[in-house]
Amino acid sequence: MKTRYWVIGGVSAAVIAVIVLVAALKDDGSPSKWIAKKYTRTAAGTYRSGKPPRAVAAEINKKHKAIDRVDDLATMGGNGGIFLRYPKLVVGVLPDGTGSRITVDGSSGGYHRYHSHVGGYWSSPGTNGWNSRGVSSFRGGGPGSGK
């Protein structure tokens, strides 16, 4: 009987170890964490890459598919950028010398920071960002809502 308990305990410990290992190695789907690992941090929420903005935006979007993207580099040149919208984030990829400056903001902060670039394309985010279709996730409330 004792051998049976040791086997069950060993198998249970192995299963728990595999679950912990997978959880530790798994990418949590957060573009901000991936960007922090991939690019050089220059300030809080700001990173640098030696690659041009379109190449950097393509790398980020390949790893973490954005809900929407605005690219106004062609019309605004060095004053423009590429802006990637995620449910709870806005990633801005802007020209910075021969490379790129990458900013990561929450949905409201990013929307307001880059409103002059994205305001005509994106609606203002809700209190919980945007949903997967890019629509504000706050439905309102108060008397009569949802009826």
N, C-alpha and C. Protein backbone atom coordinates (compact mmCIF):
# COMPACT_ATOMS: atom_id res chain seq x y z
N MET A 1 0.81 -1.20 0.00
CA MET A 1 0.00 0.00 0.00
C MET A 1 0.85 1.27 0.00
N LYS A 2 1.97 1.25 0.76
CA LYS A 2 2.79 2.45 0.83
C LYS A 2 3.38 2.80 -0.53
N THR A 3 3.75 1.82 -1.33
CA THR A 3 4.32 2.07 -2.65
C THR A 3 3.31 2.78 -3.54
N ARG A 4 2.08 2.38 -3.44
CA ARG A 4 1.03 3.00 -4.24
C ARG A 4 0.91 4.50 -3.93
N TYR A 5 0.97 4.87 -2.65
CA TYR A 5 0.90 6.29 -2.27
C TYR A 5 2.10 7.08 -2.78
N TRP A 6 3.27 6.43 -2.74
CA TRP A 6 4.48 7.10 -3.25
C TRP A 6 4.35 7.36 -4.76
N VAL A 7 3.81 6.41 -5.48
CA VAL A 7 3.63 6.57 -6.93
C VAL A 7 2.62 7.68 -7.21
N ILE A 8 1.51 7.66 -6.51
CA ILE A 8 0.49 8.70 -6.70
C ILE A 8 1.07 10.07 -6.35
N GLY A 9 1.80 10.16 -5.25
CA GLY A 9 2.42 11.42 -4.86
C GLY A 9 3.45 11.89 -5.87
N GLY A 10 4.25 10.97 -6.40
CA GLY A 10 5.25 11.33 -7.41
C GLY A 10 4.63 11.81 -8.70
N VAL A 11 3.58 11.13 -9.15
CA VAL A 11 2.88 11.54 -10.37
C VAL A 11 2.22 12.90 -10.16
N SER A 12 1.61 13.11 -9.01
CA SER A 12 0.99 14.40 -8.72
C SER A 12 2.02 15.52 -8.71
N ALA A 13 3.16 15.30 -8.10
CA ALA A 13 4.22 16.31 -8.05
C ALA A 13 4.74 16.61 -9.46
N ALA A 14 4.87 15.58 -10.29
CA ALA A 14 5.34 15.79 -11.67
C ALA A 14 4.33 16.62 -12.47
N VAL A 15 3.06 16.33 -12.32
CA VAL A 15 2.02 17.07 -13.03
C VAL A 15 2.03 18.54 -12.58
N ILE A 16 2.13 18.78 -11.30
CA ILE A 16 2.17 20.15 -10.79
C ILE A 16 3.41 20.87 -11.30
N ALA A 17 4.56 20.19 -11.34
CA ALA A 17 5.79 20.80 -11.84
C ALA A 17 5.66 21.18 -13.31
N VAL A 18 5.02 20.33 -14.11
CA VAL A 18 4.82 20.64 -15.53
C VAL A 18 3.90 21.85 -15.69
N ILE A 19 2.84 21.92 -14.91
CA ILE A 19 1.91 23.05 -14.98
C ILE A 19 2.63 24.35 -14.62
N VAL A 20 3.42 24.33 -13.56
CA VAL A 20 4.16 25.52 -13.14
C VAL A 20 5.16 25.93 -14.21
N LEU A 21 5.86 24.98 -14.80
CA LEU A 21 6.84 25.27 -15.85
C LEU A 21 6.18 25.88 -17.08
N VAL A 22 5.07 25.32 -17.51
CA VAL A 22 4.35 25.85 -18.67
C VAL A 22 3.85 27.26 -18.38
N ALA A 23 3.33 27.49 -17.19
CA ALA A 23 2.84 28.82 -16.83
C ALA A 23 3.97 29.84 -16.80
N ALA A 24 5.14 29.43 -16.33
CA ALA A 24 6.28 30.34 -16.26
C ALA A 24 6.84 30.67 -17.64
N LEU A 25 6.82 29.74 -18.55
CA LEU A 25 7.38 29.95 -19.88
C LEU A 25 6.39 30.52 -20.89
N LYS A 26 5.11 30.39 -20.58
CA LYS A 26 4.08 30.82 -21.52
C LYS A 26 4.05 32.34 -21.65
N ASP A 27 3.94 32.81 -22.88
CA ASP A 27 3.74 34.24 -23.14
C ASP A 27 2.30 34.54 -22.77
N ASP A 28 2.10 35.52 -21.88
CA ASP A 28 0.75 35.79 -21.39
C ASP A 28 -0.10 36.57 -22.38
N GLY A 29 0.40 36.77 -23.59
CA GLY A 29 -0.38 37.47 -24.60
C GLY A 29 -0.30 38.98 -24.48
N SER A 30 0.54 39.47 -23.59
CA SER A 30 0.65 40.91 -23.38
C SER A 30 1.70 41.51 -24.30
N PRO A 31 1.27 42.39 -25.21
CA PRO A 31 2.26 43.06 -26.05
C PRO A 31 3.28 43.85 -25.24
N SER A 32 2.85 44.45 -24.12
CA SER A 32 3.77 45.28 -23.34
C SER A 32 4.91 44.45 -22.76
N LYS A 33 4.63 43.26 -22.27
CA LYS A 33 5.70 42.41 -21.73
C LYS A 33 6.64 41.94 -22.83
N TRP A 34 6.09 41.60 -23.99
CA TRP A 34 6.92 41.16 -25.10
C TRP A 34 7.81 42.30 -25.59
N ILE A 35 7.25 43.50 -25.71
CA ILE A 35 8.01 44.67 -26.14
C ILE A 35 9.14 44.95 -25.15
N ALA A 36 8.84 44.85 -23.85
CA ALA A 36 9.86 45.09 -22.83
C ALA A 36 11.03 44.11 -22.93
N LYS A 37 10.74 42.88 -23.32
CA LYS A 37 11.80 41.88 -23.48
C LYS A 37 12.59 42.09 -24.78
N LYS A 38 11.91 42.53 -25.82
CA LYS A 38 12.48 42.58 -27.17
C LYS A 38 13.30 43.85 -27.44
N TYR A 39 12.87 44.99 -26.89
CA TYR A 39 13.48 46.27 -27.23
C TYR A 39 14.16 46.90 -26.01
N THR A 40 15.02 47.89 -26.27
CA THR A 40 15.78 48.56 -25.22
C THR A 40 14.92 49.62 -24.55
N ARG A 41 14.79 49.54 -23.24
CA ARG A 41 13.99 50.51 -22.48
C ARG A 41 14.76 51.81 -22.34
N THR A 42 14.10 52.93 -22.64
CA THR A 42 14.73 54.24 -22.48
C THR A 42 14.07 55.05 -21.37
N ALA A 43 12.82 54.76 -21.07
CA ALA A 43 12.07 55.41 -19.99
C ALA A 43 10.87 54.53 -19.70
N ALA A 44 10.11 54.89 -18.68
CA ALA A 44 8.92 54.09 -18.35
C ALA A 44 7.96 54.08 -19.53
N GLY A 45 7.65 52.90 -20.04
CA GLY A 45 6.72 52.76 -21.15
C GLY A 45 7.27 53.19 -22.50
N THR A 46 8.58 53.42 -22.59
CA THR A 46 9.20 53.86 -23.83
C THR A 46 10.42 53.00 -24.14
N TYR A 47 10.52 52.59 -25.40
CA TYR A 47 11.58 51.67 -25.82
C TYR A 47 12.20 52.18 -27.12
N ARG A 48 13.33 51.60 -27.50
CA ARG A 48 14.05 52.02 -28.69
C ARG A 48 14.45 50.80 -29.49
N SER A 49 14.39 50.96 -30.82
CA SER A 49 14.87 49.93 -31.74
C SER A 49 15.67 50.63 -32.83
N GLY A 50 16.68 49.97 -33.34
CA GLY A 50 17.46 50.50 -34.45
C GLY A 50 16.78 50.33 -35.79
N LYS A 51 15.69 49.60 -35.82
CA LYS A 51 14.96 49.34 -37.07
C LYS A 51 13.96 50.46 -37.35
N PRO A 52 13.61 50.65 -38.63
CA PRO A 52 12.62 51.68 -38.96
C PRO A 52 11.22 51.33 -38.44
N PRO A 53 10.36 52.35 -38.28
CA PRO A 53 9.03 52.13 -37.67
C PRO A 53 8.19 51.03 -38.33
N ARG A 54 8.15 50.97 -39.64
CA ARG A 54 7.31 49.95 -40.29
C ARG A 54 7.80 48.55 -39.97
N ALA A 55 9.11 48.35 -39.91
CA ALA A 55 9.66 47.02 -39.58
C ALA A 55 9.33 46.66 -38.14
N VAL A 56 9.46 47.62 -37.22
CA VAL A 56 9.16 47.36 -35.81
C VAL A 56 7.67 47.07 -35.62
N ALA A 57 6.82 47.89 -36.24
CA ALA A 57 5.37 47.67 -36.12
C ALA A 57 4.98 46.31 -36.68
N ALA A 58 5.63 45.89 -37.78
CA ALA A 58 5.34 44.58 -38.36
C ALA A 58 5.76 43.46 -37.40
N GLU A 59 6.92 43.62 -36.72
CA GLU A 59 7.37 42.61 -35.74
C GLU A 59 6.37 42.49 -34.60
N ILE A 60 5.96 43.63 -34.07
CA ILE A 60 5.02 43.63 -32.94
C ILE A 60 3.69 43.02 -33.36
N ASN A 61 3.18 43.44 -34.52
CA ASN A 61 1.89 42.95 -34.99
C ASN A 61 1.93 41.47 -35.35
N LYS A 62 3.08 40.99 -35.78
CA LYS A 62 3.22 39.56 -36.09
C LYS A 62 3.12 38.73 -34.82
N LYS A 63 3.74 39.22 -33.75
CA LYS A 63 3.71 38.50 -32.47
C LYS A 63 2.38 38.68 -31.74
N HIS A 64 1.85 39.90 -31.78
CA HIS A 64 0.59 40.22 -31.10
C HIS A 64 -0.30 40.99 -32.06
N LYS A 65 -1.25 40.29 -32.65
CA LYS A 65 -2.13 40.88 -33.66
C LYS A 65 -2.98 42.00 -33.05
N ALA A 66 -2.86 43.19 -33.62
CA ALA A 66 -3.61 44.35 -33.13
C ALA A 66 -5.05 44.31 -33.63
N ILE A 67 -5.95 44.95 -32.88
CA ILE A 67 -7.34 45.12 -33.30
C ILE A 67 -7.38 46.02 -34.52
N ASP A 68 -6.56 47.08 -34.48
CA ASP A 68 -6.54 48.05 -35.57
C ASP A 68 -5.18 48.70 -35.63
N ARG A 69 -4.91 49.34 -36.76
CA ARG A 69 -3.61 49.96 -37.00
C ARG A 69 -3.83 51.24 -37.80
N VAL A 70 -3.16 52.31 -37.39
CA VAL A 70 -3.16 53.56 -38.14
C VAL A 70 -1.71 53.88 -38.49
N ASP A 71 -1.46 54.12 -39.77
CA ASP A 71 -0.12 54.47 -40.25
C ASP A 71 -0.22 55.79 -40.99
N ASP A 72 0.31 56.85 -40.37
CA ASP A 72 0.27 58.14 -41.04
C ASP A 72 1.68 58.64 -41.38
N LEU A 73 2.62 57.72 -41.50
CA LEU A 73 3.99 58.10 -41.87
C LEU A 73 4.04 58.71 -43.27
N ALA A 74 3.26 58.17 -44.20
CA ALA A 74 3.28 58.67 -45.57
C ALA A 74 2.79 60.11 -45.65
N THR A 75 1.79 60.45 -44.86
CA THR A 75 1.23 61.80 -44.93
C THR A 75 1.93 62.79 -44.01
N MET A 76 2.47 62.31 -42.88
CA MET A 76 3.06 63.22 -41.90
C MET A 76 4.58 63.10 -41.80
N GLY A 77 5.17 62.13 -42.49
CA GLY A 77 6.62 61.97 -42.46
C GLY A 77 7.15 61.75 -41.06
N GLY A 78 8.18 62.49 -40.70
CA GLY A 78 8.82 62.35 -39.39
C GLY A 78 7.94 62.72 -38.22
N ASN A 79 6.82 63.43 -38.47
CA ASN A 79 5.89 63.77 -37.40
C ASN A 79 4.78 62.74 -37.24
N GLY A 80 4.81 61.71 -38.08
CA GLY A 80 3.79 60.68 -38.03
C GLY A 80 4.28 59.46 -37.25
N GLY A 81 3.56 58.39 -37.41
CA GLY A 81 3.92 57.15 -36.75
C GLY A 81 2.96 56.04 -37.13
N ILE A 82 3.18 54.91 -36.52
CA ILE A 82 2.29 53.76 -36.68
C ILE A 82 1.72 53.46 -35.31
N PHE A 83 0.42 53.32 -35.23
CA PHE A 83 -0.27 53.16 -33.96
C PHE A 83 -1.08 51.87 -33.98
N LEU A 84 -0.77 51.01 -33.02
CA LEU A 84 -1.42 49.70 -32.94
C LEU A 84 -2.38 49.73 -31.75
N ARG A 85 -3.62 49.32 -32.00
CA ARG A 85 -4.64 49.32 -30.94
C ARG A 85 -4.89 47.89 -30.49
N TYR A 86 -4.81 47.70 -29.18
CA TYR A 86 -5.11 46.43 -28.53
C TYR A 86 -6.27 46.66 -27.57
N PRO A 87 -6.88 45.61 -27.04
CA PRO A 87 -8.03 45.82 -26.16
C PRO A 87 -7.77 46.79 -25.01
N LYS A 88 -6.58 46.76 -24.41
CA LYS A 88 -6.32 47.64 -23.27
C LYS A 88 -5.05 48.46 -23.44
N LEU A 89 -4.49 48.50 -24.65
CA LEU A 89 -3.24 49.22 -24.89
C LEU A 89 -3.26 49.95 -26.22
N VAL A 90 -2.41 50.96 -26.32
CA VAL A 90 -2.07 51.59 -27.58
C VAL A 90 -0.55 51.58 -27.66
N VAL A 91 -0.02 51.03 -28.74
CA VAL A 91 1.42 51.02 -28.97
C VAL A 91 1.71 51.99 -30.11
N GLY A 92 2.55 52.97 -29.84
CA GLY A 92 2.96 53.93 -30.86
C GLY A 92 4.38 53.60 -31.31
N VAL A 93 4.60 53.55 -32.61
CA VAL A 93 5.94 53.32 -33.15
C VAL A 93 6.27 54.54 -34.00
N LEU A 94 7.22 55.32 -33.51
CA LEU A 94 7.51 56.62 -34.11
C LEU A 94 8.95 56.68 -34.62
N PRO A 95 9.19 57.47 -35.66
CA PRO A 95 10.56 57.64 -36.14
C PRO A 95 11.43 58.27 -35.05
N ASP A 96 12.66 57.78 -34.92
CA ASP A 96 13.60 58.30 -33.94
C ASP A 96 15.00 58.18 -34.53
N GLY A 97 15.43 59.20 -35.23
CA GLY A 97 16.71 59.13 -35.94
C GLY A 97 16.62 58.08 -37.03
N THR A 98 17.56 57.14 -37.01
CA THR A 98 17.52 56.07 -38.01
C THR A 98 16.71 54.87 -37.51
N GLY A 99 16.21 54.92 -36.29
CA GLY A 99 15.45 53.82 -35.73
C GLY A 99 14.04 54.22 -35.35
N SER A 100 13.57 53.64 -34.26
CA SER A 100 12.19 53.86 -33.82
C SER A 100 12.13 54.05 -32.32
N ARG A 101 11.16 54.86 -31.90
CA ARG A 101 10.79 54.99 -30.50
C ARG A 101 9.44 54.30 -30.36
N ILE A 102 9.33 53.42 -29.38
CA ILE A 102 8.12 52.63 -29.16
C ILE A 102 7.53 53.05 -27.82
N THR A 103 6.26 53.45 -27.83
CA THR A 103 5.60 53.81 -26.59
C THR A 103 4.45 52.83 -26.33
N VAL A 104 4.26 52.51 -25.07
CA VAL A 104 3.17 51.61 -24.66
C VAL A 104 2.33 52.35 -23.62
N ASP A 105 1.07 52.58 -23.94
CA ASP A 105 0.15 53.29 -23.05
C ASP A 105 -1.11 52.48 -22.86
N GLY A 106 -1.81 52.73 -21.76
CA GLY A 106 -3.14 52.17 -21.58
C GLY A 106 -4.05 52.73 -22.67
N SER A 107 -5.22 52.14 -22.83
CA SER A 107 -6.10 52.55 -23.93
C SER A 107 -6.46 54.03 -23.88
N SER A 108 -6.88 54.55 -22.74
CA SER A 108 -7.26 55.96 -22.66
C SER A 108 -6.06 56.88 -22.81
N GLY A 109 -4.97 56.57 -22.13
CA GLY A 109 -3.77 57.40 -22.22
C GLY A 109 -3.21 57.45 -23.63
N GLY A 110 -3.16 56.29 -24.29
CA GLY A 110 -2.66 56.24 -25.66
C GLY A 110 -3.58 56.94 -26.64
N TYR A 111 -4.87 56.78 -26.44
CA TYR A 111 -5.83 57.45 -27.32
C TYR A 111 -5.68 58.97 -27.21
N HIS A 112 -5.55 59.47 -25.98
CA HIS A 112 -5.43 60.91 -25.79
C HIS A 112 -4.07 61.42 -26.25
N ARG A 113 -3.00 60.66 -26.01
CA ARG A 113 -1.67 61.07 -26.45
C ARG A 113 -1.61 61.20 -27.97
N TYR A 114 -2.21 60.24 -28.67
CA TYR A 114 -2.11 60.20 -30.12
C TYR A 114 -3.42 60.57 -30.82
N HIS A 115 -4.28 61.31 -30.13
CA HIS A 115 -5.58 61.68 -30.70
C HIS A 115 -5.44 62.36 -32.04
N SER A 116 -4.42 63.20 -32.21
CA SER A 116 -4.25 63.92 -33.47
C SER A 116 -3.95 62.96 -34.62
N HIS A 117 -3.50 61.75 -34.31
CA HIS A 117 -3.21 60.74 -35.33
C HIS A 117 -4.35 59.75 -35.52
N VAL A 118 -4.99 59.36 -34.42
CA VAL A 118 -5.96 58.26 -34.48
C VAL A 118 -7.41 58.70 -34.26
N GLY A 119 -7.61 59.96 -33.87
CA GLY A 119 -8.95 60.44 -33.52
C GLY A 119 -9.97 60.30 -34.63
N GLY A 120 -9.55 60.43 -35.86
CA GLY A 120 -10.48 60.31 -36.98
C GLY A 120 -10.77 58.87 -37.37
N TYR A 121 -10.04 57.93 -36.77
CA TYR A 121 -10.18 56.51 -37.12
C TYR A 121 -10.76 55.67 -35.98
N TRP A 122 -10.37 55.98 -34.76
CA TRP A 122 -10.79 55.17 -33.62
C TRP A 122 -11.78 55.95 -32.76
N SER A 123 -12.73 55.21 -32.18
CA SER A 123 -13.62 55.82 -31.20
C SER A 123 -12.88 55.87 -29.86
N SER A 124 -13.32 56.72 -28.99
CA SER A 124 -12.73 56.83 -27.66
C SER A 124 -12.96 55.50 -26.92
N PRO A 125 -11.95 55.02 -26.20
CA PRO A 125 -12.14 53.75 -25.49
C PRO A 125 -13.10 53.90 -24.32
N GLY A 126 -13.68 52.78 -23.92
CA GLY A 126 -14.53 52.77 -22.75
C GLY A 126 -13.69 52.68 -21.49
N THR A 127 -14.32 52.51 -20.37
CA THR A 127 -13.59 52.44 -19.10
C THR A 127 -12.73 51.19 -19.02
N ASN A 128 -13.01 50.20 -19.84
CA ASN A 128 -12.23 48.96 -19.83
C ASN A 128 -11.57 48.73 -21.19
N GLY A 129 -11.28 49.81 -21.92
CA GLY A 129 -10.61 49.68 -23.21
C GLY A 129 -11.59 49.41 -24.33
N TRP A 130 -11.11 48.65 -25.32
CA TRP A 130 -11.92 48.28 -26.48
C TRP A 130 -12.14 46.78 -26.46
N ASN A 131 -13.21 46.32 -27.10
CA ASN A 131 -13.38 44.88 -27.22
C ASN A 131 -12.64 44.39 -28.46
N SER A 132 -12.73 43.12 -28.79
CA SER A 132 -11.96 42.55 -29.89
C SER A 132 -12.36 43.11 -31.24
N ARG A 133 -13.52 43.73 -31.34
CA ARG A 133 -13.95 44.34 -32.60
C ARG A 133 -13.55 45.81 -32.66
N GLY A 134 -12.92 46.30 -31.60
CA GLY A 134 -12.46 47.68 -31.59
C GLY A 134 -13.49 48.67 -31.09
N VAL A 135 -14.58 48.19 -30.55
CA VAL A 135 -15.66 49.06 -30.08
C VAL A 135 -15.43 49.32 -28.59
N SER A 136 -15.80 50.50 -28.14
CA SER A 136 -15.71 50.84 -26.74
C SER A 136 -16.39 49.76 -25.90
N SER A 137 -15.72 49.33 -24.83
CA SER A 137 -16.26 48.22 -24.05
C SER A 137 -17.19 48.68 -22.93
N PHE A 138 -17.39 49.97 -22.75
CA PHE A 138 -18.31 50.44 -21.73
C PHE A 138 -19.68 50.66 -22.37
N ARG A 139 -20.71 49.98 -21.87
CA ARG A 139 -22.03 50.05 -22.49
C ARG A 139 -22.94 51.07 -21.83
N GLY A 140 -22.42 51.76 -20.89
CA GLY A 140 -23.29 52.73 -20.22
C GLY A 140 -23.87 52.12 -18.96
N GLY A 141 -24.96 52.61 -18.55
CA GLY A 141 -25.58 52.11 -17.32
C GLY A 141 -26.71 53.01 -16.93
N GLY A 142 -27.14 52.89 -15.72
CA GLY A 142 -28.21 53.75 -15.24
C GLY A 142 -29.57 53.14 -15.49
N PRO A 143 -30.60 53.90 -15.19
CA PRO A 143 -31.97 53.41 -15.31
C PRO A 143 -32.31 53.00 -16.73
N GLY A 144 -32.91 51.85 -16.86
CA GLY A 144 -33.38 51.38 -18.17
C GLY A 144 -32.34 50.75 -19.03
N SER A 145 -31.08 50.70 -18.61
CA SER A 145 -30.05 50.12 -19.48
C SER A 145 -30.19 48.61 -19.52
N GLY A 146 -29.97 48.05 -20.68
CA GLY A 146 -30.00 46.60 -20.84
C GLY A 146 -31.38 46.01 -20.92
N LYS A 147 -32.38 46.84 -21.04
CA LYS A 147 -33.76 46.30 -21.08
C LYS A 147 -34.20 46.12 -22.50
